[in-house]
Full PDB file with SEQRES, HELIX, SHEET, SSBOND, CRYST1, ORIGX, SCALE, CONECT and MASTER records, all heavy atoms in Angstrom:
SEQRES   1 A   35  PRO PRO ASN LEU LYS ILE VAL LEU ASN ASN GLY LEU ILE          
SEQRES   2 A   35  VAL GLU ARG LYS GLY LYS ASN SER ALA LEU LYS VAL THR          
SEQRES   3 A   35  ASP PRO SER GLY GLN LYS ALA GLY GLN                          
SHEET    1 AA1 4 LEU A   4  VAL A   7  0                                        
SHEET    2 AA1 4 ILE A  13  LYS A  17 -1                                        
SHEET    3 AA1 4 ALA A  22  THR A  26 -1                                        
SHEET    4 AA1 4 LYS A  32  ALA A  33 -1                                        
CRYST1    1.000    1.000    1.000  90.00  90.00  90.00 P 1           1          
ORIGX1      1.000000  0.000000  0.000000        0.00000                         
ORIGX2      0.000000  1.000000  0.000000        0.00000                         
ORIGX3      0.000000  0.000000  1.000000        0.00000                         
SCALE1      1.000000  0.000000  0.000000        0.00000                         
SCALE2      0.000000  1.000000  0.000000        0.00000                         
SCALE3      0.000000  0.000000  1.000000        0.00000                         
ATOM      1  N   PRO A   1      50.171  24.017 -38.701  1.00  0.00           N  
ATOM      2  CA  PRO A   1      49.312  23.079 -37.953  1.00  0.00           C  
ATOM      3  C   PRO A   1      50.067  22.455 -36.782  1.00  0.00           C  
ATOM      4  O   PRO A   1      51.291  22.506 -36.707  1.00  0.00           O  
ATOM      5  CB  PRO A   1      48.954  22.024 -38.997  1.00  0.00           C  
ATOM      6  CG  PRO A   1      50.049  22.075 -39.994  1.00  0.00           C  
ATOM      7  CD  PRO A   1      50.495  23.521 -40.052  1.00  0.00           C  
ATOM      8  N   PRO A   2      49.323  21.860 -35.843  1.00  0.00           N  
ATOM      9  CA  PRO A   2      49.957  21.211 -34.690  1.00  0.00           C  
ATOM     10  C   PRO A   2      50.941  20.132 -35.134  1.00  0.00           C  
ATOM     11  O   PRO A   2      50.752  19.472 -36.155  1.00  0.00           O  
ATOM     12  CB  PRO A   2      48.777  20.611 -33.928  1.00  0.00           C  
ATOM     13  CG  PRO A   2      47.610  21.440 -34.314  1.00  0.00           C  
ATOM     14  CD  PRO A   2      47.860  21.808 -35.760  1.00  0.00           C  
ATOM     15  N   ASN A   3      52.010  19.998 -34.346  1.00  0.00           N  
ATOM     16  CA  ASN A   3      53.022  18.995 -34.628  1.00  0.00           C  
ATOM     17  C   ASN A   3      53.434  18.369 -33.291  1.00  0.00           C  
ATOM     18  O   ASN A   3      53.888  19.072 -32.387  1.00  0.00           O  
ATOM     19  CB  ASN A   3      54.222  19.646 -35.314  1.00  0.00           C  
ATOM     20  CG  ASN A   3      55.178  18.609 -35.871  1.00  0.00           C  
ATOM     21  OD1 ASN A   3      54.985  17.408 -35.683  1.00  0.00           O  
ATOM     22  ND2 ASN A   3      56.218  19.072 -36.552  1.00  0.00           N  
ATOM     23  N   LEU A   4      53.240  17.055 -33.157  1.00  0.00           N  
ATOM     24  CA  LEU A   4      53.556  16.382 -31.911  1.00  0.00           C  
ATOM     25  C   LEU A   4      54.424  15.168 -32.200  1.00  0.00           C  
ATOM     26  O   LEU A   4      54.204  14.460 -33.183  1.00  0.00           O  
ATOM     27  CB  LEU A   4      52.284  15.908 -31.189  1.00  0.00           C  
ATOM     28  CG  LEU A   4      51.243  16.961 -30.825  1.00  0.00           C  
ATOM     29  CD1 LEU A   4      50.154  16.982 -31.880  1.00  0.00           C  
ATOM     30  CD2 LEU A   4      50.614  16.645 -29.471  1.00  0.00           C  
ATOM     31  N   LYS A   5      55.403  14.951 -31.320  1.00  0.00           N  
ATOM     32  CA  LYS A   5      56.256  13.781 -31.453  1.00  0.00           C  
ATOM     33  C   LYS A   5      56.616  13.286 -30.052  1.00  0.00           C  
ATOM     34  O   LYS A   5      57.097  14.052 -29.222  1.00  0.00           O  
ATOM     35  CB  LYS A   5      57.530  14.116 -32.221  1.00  0.00           C  
ATOM     36  CG  LYS A   5      58.470  12.922 -32.408  1.00  0.00           C  
ATOM     37  CD  LYS A   5      59.699  13.322 -33.225  1.00  0.00           C  
ATOM     38  CE  LYS A   5      60.629  12.135 -33.436  1.00  0.00           C  
ATOM     39  NZ  LYS A   5      61.829  12.512 -34.235  1.00  0.00           N  
ATOM     40  N   ILE A   6      56.360  12.010 -29.811  1.00  0.00           N  
ATOM     41  CA  ILE A   6      56.650  11.413 -28.513  1.00  0.00           C  
ATOM     42  C   ILE A   6      57.446  10.138 -28.754  1.00  0.00           C  
ATOM     43  O   ILE A   6      57.052   9.276 -29.559  1.00  0.00           O  
ATOM     44  CB  ILE A   6      55.373  11.088 -27.732  1.00  0.00           C  
ATOM     45  CG1 ILE A   6      54.630  12.381 -27.381  1.00  0.00           C  
ATOM     46  CG2 ILE A   6      55.690  10.302 -26.457  1.00  0.00           C  
ATOM     47  CD1 ILE A   6      53.325  12.176 -26.634  1.00  0.00           C  
ATOM     48  N   VAL A   7      58.565  10.039 -28.045  1.00  0.00           N  
ATOM     49  CA  VAL A   7      59.387   8.830 -28.111  1.00  0.00           C  
ATOM     50  C   VAL A   7      59.191   8.068 -26.807  1.00  0.00           C  
ATOM     51  O   VAL A   7      59.404   8.615 -25.722  1.00  0.00           O  
ATOM     52  CB  VAL A   7      60.883   9.176 -28.305  1.00  0.00           C  
ATOM     53  CG1 VAL A   7      61.723   7.889 -28.345  1.00  0.00           C  
ATOM     54  CG2 VAL A   7      61.085   9.994 -29.581  1.00  0.00           C  
ATOM     55  N   LEU A   8      58.772   6.809 -26.914  1.00  0.00           N  
ATOM     56  CA  LEU A   8      58.508   5.981 -25.740  1.00  0.00           C  
ATOM     57  C   LEU A   8      59.700   5.078 -25.454  1.00  0.00           C  
ATOM     58  O   LEU A   8      60.515   4.794 -26.343  1.00  0.00           O  
ATOM     59  CB  LEU A   8      57.247   5.141 -25.964  1.00  0.00           C  
ATOM     60  CG  LEU A   8      55.970   5.932 -26.285  1.00  0.00           C  
ATOM     61  CD1 LEU A   8      54.826   4.980 -26.614  1.00  0.00           C  
ATOM     62  CD2 LEU A   8      55.583   6.831 -25.118  1.00  0.00           C  
ATOM     63  N   ASN A   9      59.765   4.601 -24.217  1.00  0.00           N  
ATOM     64  CA  ASN A   9      60.922   3.790 -23.825  1.00  0.00           C  
ATOM     65  C   ASN A   9      60.910   2.387 -24.437  1.00  0.00           C  
ATOM     66  O   ASN A   9      61.885   1.656 -24.298  1.00  0.00           O  
ATOM     67  CB  ASN A   9      61.024   3.705 -22.300  1.00  0.00           C  
ATOM     68  CG  ASN A   9      59.882   2.908 -21.683  1.00  0.00           C  
ATOM     69  OD1 ASN A   9      58.834   2.734 -22.307  1.00  0.00           O  
ATOM     70  ND2 ASN A   9      60.065   2.444 -20.462  1.00  0.00           N  
ATOM     71  N   ASN A  10      59.805   2.007 -25.046  1.00  0.00           N  
ATOM     72  CA  ASN A  10      59.782   0.714 -25.741  1.00  0.00           C  
ATOM     73  C   ASN A  10      60.207   0.847 -27.202  1.00  0.00           C  
ATOM     74  O   ASN A  10      60.101  -0.102 -27.978  1.00  0.00           O  
ATOM     75  CB  ASN A  10      58.399   0.078 -25.649  1.00  0.00           C  
ATOM     76  CG  ASN A  10      57.312   0.927 -26.290  1.00  0.00           C  
ATOM     77  OD1 ASN A  10      57.577   2.005 -26.818  1.00  0.00           O  
ATOM     78  ND2 ASN A  10      56.077   0.453 -26.240  1.00  0.00           N  
ATOM     79  N   GLY A  11      60.654   2.060 -27.556  1.00  0.00           N  
ATOM     80  CA  GLY A  11      61.146   2.286 -28.911  1.00  0.00           C  
ATOM     81  C   GLY A  11      60.129   2.850 -29.860  1.00  0.00           C  
ATOM     82  O   GLY A  11      60.478   3.310 -30.963  1.00  0.00           O  
ATOM     83  N   LEU A  12      58.872   2.847 -29.499  1.00  0.00           N  
ATOM     84  CA  LEU A  12      57.837   3.396 -30.387  1.00  0.00           C  
ATOM     85  C   LEU A  12      57.999   4.908 -30.520  1.00  0.00           C  
ATOM     86  O   LEU A  12      58.298   5.601 -29.543  1.00  0.00           O  
ATOM     87  CB  LEU A  12      56.442   3.074 -29.858  1.00  0.00           C  
ATOM     88  CG  LEU A  12      55.951   1.632 -29.977  1.00  0.00           C  
ATOM     89  CD1 LEU A  12      54.545   1.518 -29.403  1.00  0.00           C  
ATOM     90  CD2 LEU A  12      55.959   1.144 -31.420  1.00  0.00           C  
ATOM     91  N   ILE A  13      57.766   5.401 -31.713  1.00  0.00           N  
ATOM     92  CA  ILE A  13      57.750   6.844 -31.972  1.00  0.00           C  
ATOM     93  C   ILE A  13      56.338   7.196 -32.426  1.00  0.00           C  
ATOM     94  O   ILE A  13      55.822   6.652 -33.409  1.00  0.00           O  
ATOM     95  CB  ILE A  13      58.770   7.231 -33.050  1.00  0.00           C  
ATOM     96  CG1 ILE A  13      60.194   6.861 -32.593  1.00  0.00           C  
ATOM     97  CG2 ILE A  13      58.686   8.729 -33.347  1.00  0.00           C  
ATOM     98  CD1 ILE A  13      61.248   7.081 -33.661  1.00  0.00           C  
ATOM     99  N   VAL A  14      55.690   8.094 -31.685  1.00  0.00           N  
ATOM    100  CA  VAL A  14      54.307   8.486 -31.965  1.00  0.00           C  
ATOM    101  C   VAL A  14      54.324   9.917 -32.478  1.00  0.00           C  
ATOM    102  O   VAL A  14      54.847  10.820 -31.807  1.00  0.00           O  
ATOM    103  CB  VAL A  14      53.425   8.374 -30.700  1.00  0.00           C  
ATOM    104  CG1 VAL A  14      51.990   8.766 -31.030  1.00  0.00           C  
ATOM    105  CG2 VAL A  14      53.487   6.964 -30.128  1.00  0.00           C  
ATOM    106  N   GLU A  15      53.752  10.148 -33.662  1.00  0.00           N  
ATOM    107  CA  GLU A  15      53.745  11.482 -34.254  1.00  0.00           C  
ATOM    108  C   GLU A  15      52.340  11.848 -34.726  1.00  0.00           C  
ATOM    109  O   GLU A  15      51.586  10.995 -35.168  1.00  0.00           O  
ATOM    110  CB  GLU A  15      54.715  11.526 -35.442  1.00  0.00           C  
ATOM    111  CG  GLU A  15      56.171  11.266 -35.076  1.00  0.00           C  
ATOM    112  CD  GLU A  15      57.055  11.234 -36.307  1.00  0.00           C  
ATOM    113  OE1 GLU A  15      57.118  10.146 -36.939  1.00  0.00           O  
ATOM    114  OE2 GLU A  15      57.656  12.262 -36.634  1.00  0.00           O  
ATOM    115  N   ARG A  16      52.044  13.145 -34.620  1.00  0.00           N  
ATOM    116  CA  ARG A  16      50.833  13.722 -35.226  1.00  0.00           C  
ATOM    117  C   ARG A  16      51.271  15.019 -35.896  1.00  0.00           C  
ATOM    118  O   ARG A  16      51.745  15.941 -35.217  1.00  0.00           O  
ATOM    119  CB  ARG A  16      49.747  13.990 -34.176  1.00  0.00           C  
ATOM    120  CG  ARG A  16      49.077  12.733 -33.649  1.00  0.00           C  
ATOM    121  CD  ARG A  16      47.892  13.062 -32.745  1.00  0.00           C  
ATOM    122  NE  ARG A  16      47.268  11.865 -32.234  1.00  0.00           N  
ATOM    123  CZ  ARG A  16      46.329  11.152 -32.870  1.00  0.00           C  
ATOM    124  NH1 ARG A  16      45.917  11.560 -34.071  1.00  0.00           N  
ATOM    125  NH2 ARG A  16      45.824  10.067 -32.334  1.00  0.00           N  
ATOM    126  N   LYS A  17      51.104  15.079 -37.180  1.00  0.00           N  
ATOM    127  CA  LYS A  17      51.547  16.274 -37.901  1.00  0.00           C  
ATOM    128  C   LYS A  17      50.772  16.400 -39.215  1.00  0.00           C  
ATOM    129  O   LYS A  17      50.022  15.501 -39.604  1.00  0.00           O  
ATOM    130  CB  LYS A  17      53.051  16.213 -38.169  1.00  0.00           C  
ATOM    131  CG  LYS A  17      53.516  14.991 -38.956  1.00  0.00           C  
ATOM    132  CD  LYS A  17      55.029  14.968 -39.054  1.00  0.00           C  
ATOM    133  CE  LYS A  17      55.495  13.696 -39.788  1.00  0.00           C  
ATOM    134  NZ  LYS A  17      56.978  13.644 -39.894  1.00  0.00           N  
ATOM    135  N   GLY A  18      50.987  17.523 -39.851  1.00  0.00           N  
ATOM    136  CA  GLY A  18      50.286  17.771 -41.107  1.00  0.00           C  
ATOM    137  C   GLY A  18      48.958  18.466 -40.885  1.00  0.00           C  
ATOM    138  O   GLY A  18      48.539  18.739 -39.754  1.00  0.00           O  
ATOM    139  N   LYS A  19      48.287  18.732 -41.981  1.00  0.00           N  
ATOM    140  CA  LYS A  19      47.036  19.492 -41.931  1.00  0.00           C  
ATOM    141  C   LYS A  19      45.985  18.840 -41.059  1.00  0.00           C  
ATOM    142  O   LYS A  19      45.281  19.501 -40.302  1.00  0.00           O  
ATOM    143  CB  LYS A  19      46.518  19.672 -43.365  1.00  0.00           C  
ATOM    144  CG  LYS A  19      45.242  20.494 -43.434  1.00  0.00           C  
ATOM    145  CD  LYS A  19      44.808  20.676 -44.880  1.00  0.00           C  
ATOM    146  CE  LYS A  19      43.522  21.497 -44.959  1.00  0.00           C  
ATOM    147  NZ  LYS A  19      43.076  21.689 -46.370  1.00  0.00           N  
ATOM    148  N   ASN A  20      45.880  17.508 -41.141  1.00  0.00           N  
ATOM    149  CA  ASN A  20      44.866  16.793 -40.375  1.00  0.00           C  
ATOM    150  C   ASN A  20      45.417  16.170 -39.104  1.00  0.00           C  
ATOM    151  O   ASN A  20      44.716  15.421 -38.414  1.00  0.00           O  
ATOM    152  CB  ASN A  20      44.231  15.700 -41.245  1.00  0.00           C  
ATOM    153  CG  ASN A  20      43.506  16.268 -42.454  1.00  0.00           C  
ATOM    154  OD1 ASN A  20      42.843  17.290 -42.342  1.00  0.00           O  
ATOM    155  ND2 ASN A  20      43.650  15.610 -43.595  1.00  0.00           N  
ATOM    156  N   SER A  21      46.698  16.460 -38.813  1.00  0.00           N  
ATOM    157  CA  SER A  21      47.345  15.888 -37.617  1.00  0.00           C  
ATOM    158  C   SER A  21      47.184  14.375 -37.599  1.00  0.00           C  
ATOM    159  O   SER A  21      46.803  13.776 -36.594  1.00  0.00           O  
ATOM    160  CB  SER A  21      46.747  16.496 -36.344  1.00  0.00           C  
ATOM    161  OG  SER A  21      46.931  17.884 -36.325  1.00  0.00           O  
ATOM    162  N   ALA A  22      47.491  13.772 -38.721  1.00  0.00           N  
ATOM    163  CA  ALA A  22      47.334  12.322 -38.834  1.00  0.00           C  
ATOM    164  C   ALA A  22      48.325  11.608 -37.923  1.00  0.00           C  
ATOM    165  O   ALA A  22      49.448  12.062 -37.703  1.00  0.00           O  
ATOM    166  CB  ALA A  22      47.551  11.888 -40.281  1.00  0.00           C  
ATOM    167  N   LEU A  23      47.888  10.462 -37.400  1.00  0.00           N  
ATOM    168  CA  LEU A  23      48.699   9.671 -36.476  1.00  0.00           C  
ATOM    169  C   LEU A  23      49.668   8.786 -37.248  1.00  0.00           C  
ATOM    170  O   LEU A  23      49.303   8.134 -38.221  1.00  0.00           O  
ATOM    171  CB  LEU A  23      47.810   8.793 -35.591  1.00  0.00           C  
ATOM    172  CG  LEU A  23      48.530   7.802 -34.670  1.00  0.00           C  
ATOM    173  CD1 LEU A  23      49.324   8.536 -33.600  1.00  0.00           C  
ATOM    174  CD2 LEU A  23      47.521   6.847 -34.030  1.00  0.00           C  
ATOM    175  N   LYS A  24      50.911   8.768 -36.742  1.00  0.00           N  
ATOM    176  CA  LYS A  24      51.916   7.859 -37.283  1.00  0.00           C  
ATOM    177  C   LYS A  24      52.638   7.207 -36.106  1.00  0.00           C  
ATOM    178  O   LYS A  24      53.186   7.906 -35.242  1.00  0.00           O  
ATOM    179  CB  LYS A  24      52.910   8.612 -38.165  1.00  0.00           C  
ATOM    180  CG  LYS A  24      54.048   7.732 -38.703  1.00  0.00           C  
ATOM    181  CD  LYS A  24      55.040   8.563 -39.499  1.00  0.00           C  
ATOM    182  CE  LYS A  24      56.204   7.699 -39.984  1.00  0.00           C  
ATOM    183  NZ  LYS A  24      57.222   8.518 -40.708  1.00  0.00           N  
ATOM    184  N   VAL A  25      52.597   5.876 -36.050  1.00  0.00           N  
ATOM    185  CA  VAL A  25      53.257   5.140 -34.985  1.00  0.00           C  
ATOM    186  C   VAL A  25      54.286   4.217 -35.628  1.00  0.00           C  
ATOM    187  O   VAL A  25      53.938   3.356 -36.449  1.00  0.00           O  
ATOM    188  CB  VAL A  25      52.255   4.312 -34.142  1.00  0.00           C  
ATOM    189  CG1 VAL A  25      53.001   3.561 -33.036  1.00  0.00           C  
ATOM    190  CG2 VAL A  25      51.191   5.214 -33.539  1.00  0.00           C  
ATOM    191  N   THR A  26      55.559   4.393 -35.279  1.00  0.00           N  
ATOM    192  CA  THR A  26      56.637   3.591 -35.838  1.00  0.00           C  
ATOM    193  C   THR A  26      57.251   2.751 -34.733  1.00  0.00           C  
ATOM    194  O   THR A  26      57.654   3.291 -33.688  1.00  0.00           O  
ATOM    195  CB  THR A  26      57.723   4.477 -36.476  1.00  0.00           C  
ATOM    196  OG1 THR A  26      57.109   5.364 -37.402  1.00  0.00           O  
ATOM    197  CG2 THR A  26      58.776   3.627 -37.168  1.00  0.00           C  
ATOM    198  N   ASP A  27      57.308   1.431 -34.939  1.00  0.00           N  
ATOM    199  CA  ASP A  27      57.883   0.567 -33.905  1.00  0.00           C  
ATOM    200  C   ASP A  27      59.390   0.452 -34.107  1.00  0.00           C  
ATOM    201  O   ASP A  27      59.936   0.916 -35.114  1.00  0.00           O  
ATOM    202  CB  ASP A  27      57.189  -0.790 -33.893  1.00  0.00           C  
ATOM    203  CG  ASP A  27      57.492  -1.634 -35.120  1.00  0.00           C  
ATOM    204  OD1 ASP A  27      58.451  -1.300 -35.843  1.00  0.00           O  
ATOM    205  OD2 ASP A  27      56.777  -2.623 -35.350  1.00  0.00           O  
ATOM    206  N   PRO A  28      60.122  -0.141 -33.152  1.00  0.00           N  
ATOM    207  CA  PRO A  28      61.593  -0.182 -33.245  1.00  0.00           C  
ATOM    208  C   PRO A  28      62.114  -0.856 -34.504  1.00  0.00           C  
ATOM    209  O   PRO A  28      63.223  -0.561 -34.965  1.00  0.00           O  
ATOM    210  CB  PRO A  28      61.991  -0.972 -31.997  1.00  0.00           C  
ATOM    211  CG  PRO A  28      60.873  -0.769 -31.043  1.00  0.00           C  
ATOM    212  CD  PRO A  28      59.650  -0.679 -31.879  1.00  0.00           C  
ATOM    213  N   SER A  29      61.337  -1.758 -35.076  1.00  0.00           N  
ATOM    214  CA  SER A  29      61.807  -2.458 -36.271  1.00  0.00           C  
ATOM    215  C   SER A  29      61.544  -1.675 -37.541  1.00  0.00           C  
ATOM    216  O   SER A  29      61.857  -2.122 -38.639  1.00  0.00           O  
ATOM    217  CB  SER A  29      61.125  -3.828 -36.369  1.00  0.00           C  
ATOM    218  OG  SER A  29      59.721  -3.668 -36.534  1.00  0.00           O  
ATOM    219  N   GLY A  30      60.918  -0.495 -37.375  1.00  0.00           N  
ATOM    220  CA  GLY A  30      60.639   0.325 -38.538  1.00  0.00           C  
ATOM    221  C   GLY A  30      59.261   0.101 -39.125  1.00  0.00           C  
ATOM    222  O   GLY A  30      58.863   0.778 -40.070  1.00  0.00           O  
ATOM    223  N   GLN A  31      58.499  -0.854 -38.562  1.00  0.00           N  
ATOM    224  CA  GLN A  31      57.155  -1.113 -39.052  1.00  0.00           C  
ATOM    225  C   GLN A  31      56.192  -0.050 -38.540  1.00  0.00           C  
ATOM    226  O   GLN A  31      56.327   0.449 -37.412  1.00  0.00           O  
ATOM    227  CB  GLN A  31      56.692  -2.494 -38.587  1.00  0.00           C  
ATOM    228  CG  GLN A  31      57.551  -3.635 -39.100  1.00  0.00           C  
ATOM    229  CD  GLN A  31      57.493  -3.762 -40.612  1.00  0.00           C  
ATOM    230  OE1 GLN A  31      56.421  -3.627 -41.215  1.00  0.00           O  
ATOM    231  NE2 GLN A  31      58.646  -4.009 -41.224  1.00  0.00           N  
ATOM    232  N   LYS A  32      55.218   0.287 -39.334  1.00  0.00           N  
ATOM    233  CA  LYS A  32      54.220   1.255 -38.915  1.00  0.00           C  
ATOM    234  C   LYS A  32      53.101   0.576 -38.147  1.00  0.00           C  
ATOM    235  O   LYS A  32      52.796  -0.590 -38.370  1.00  0.00           O  
ATOM    236  CB  LYS A  32      53.649   1.991 -40.134  1.00  0.00           C  
ATOM    237  CG  LYS A  32      54.657   2.896 -40.825  1.00  0.00           C  
ATOM    238  CD  LYS A  32      54.009   3.663 -41.956  1.00  0.00           C  
ATOM    239  CE  LYS A  32      55.018   4.588 -42.639  1.00  0.00           C  
ATOM    240  NZ  LYS A  32      54.385   5.369 -43.751  1.00  0.00           N  
ATOM    241  N   ALA A  33      52.491   1.332 -37.234  1.00  0.00           N  
ATOM    242  CA  ALA A  33      51.362   0.814 -36.443  1.00  0.00           C  
ATOM    243  C   ALA A  33      50.367   1.951 -36.251  1.00  0.00           C  
ATOM    244  O   ALA A  33      50.545   3.044 -36.801  1.00  0.00           O  
ATOM    245  CB  ALA A  33      51.854   0.271 -35.108  1.00  0.00           C  
ATOM    246  N   GLY A  34      49.341   1.713 -35.470  1.00  0.00           N  
ATOM    247  CA  GLY A  34      48.311   2.728 -35.291  1.00  0.00           C  
ATOM    248  C   GLY A  34      47.818   2.819 -33.866  1.00  0.00           C  
ATOM    249  O   GLY A  34      48.461   2.345 -32.925  1.00  0.00           O  
ATOM    250  N   GLN A  35      46.612   3.434 -33.727  1.00  0.00           N  
ATOM    251  CA  GLN A  35      46.051   3.689 -32.400  1.00  0.00           C  
ATOM    252  C   GLN A  35      45.774   2.396 -31.633  1.00  0.00           C  
ATOM    253  O   GLN A  35      45.890   2.350 -30.414  1.00  0.00           O  
ATOM    254  CB  GLN A  35      44.743   4.491 -32.532  1.00  0.00           C  
ATOM    255  CG  GLN A  35      44.177   4.979 -31.214  1.00  0.00           C  
ATOM    256  CD  GLN A  35      45.090   5.973 -30.530  1.00  0.00           C  
ATOM    257  OE1 GLN A  35      45.548   6.933 -31.143  1.00  0.00           O  
ATOM    258  NE2 GLN A  35      45.370   5.751 -29.256  1.00  0.00           N  
TER     259      GLN A  35                                                      
MASTER        0    0    0    0    4    0    0    6  258    1    0    3          
END                                                                             
């Protein structure tokens, strides 16, 4: 399945992976966030 990973300059890491390409947003402190 598609796999995407983007690292932003504010430290956020945006990923879409897995069967449903679910969104995962991780902030610099390690906390998860969303769309």
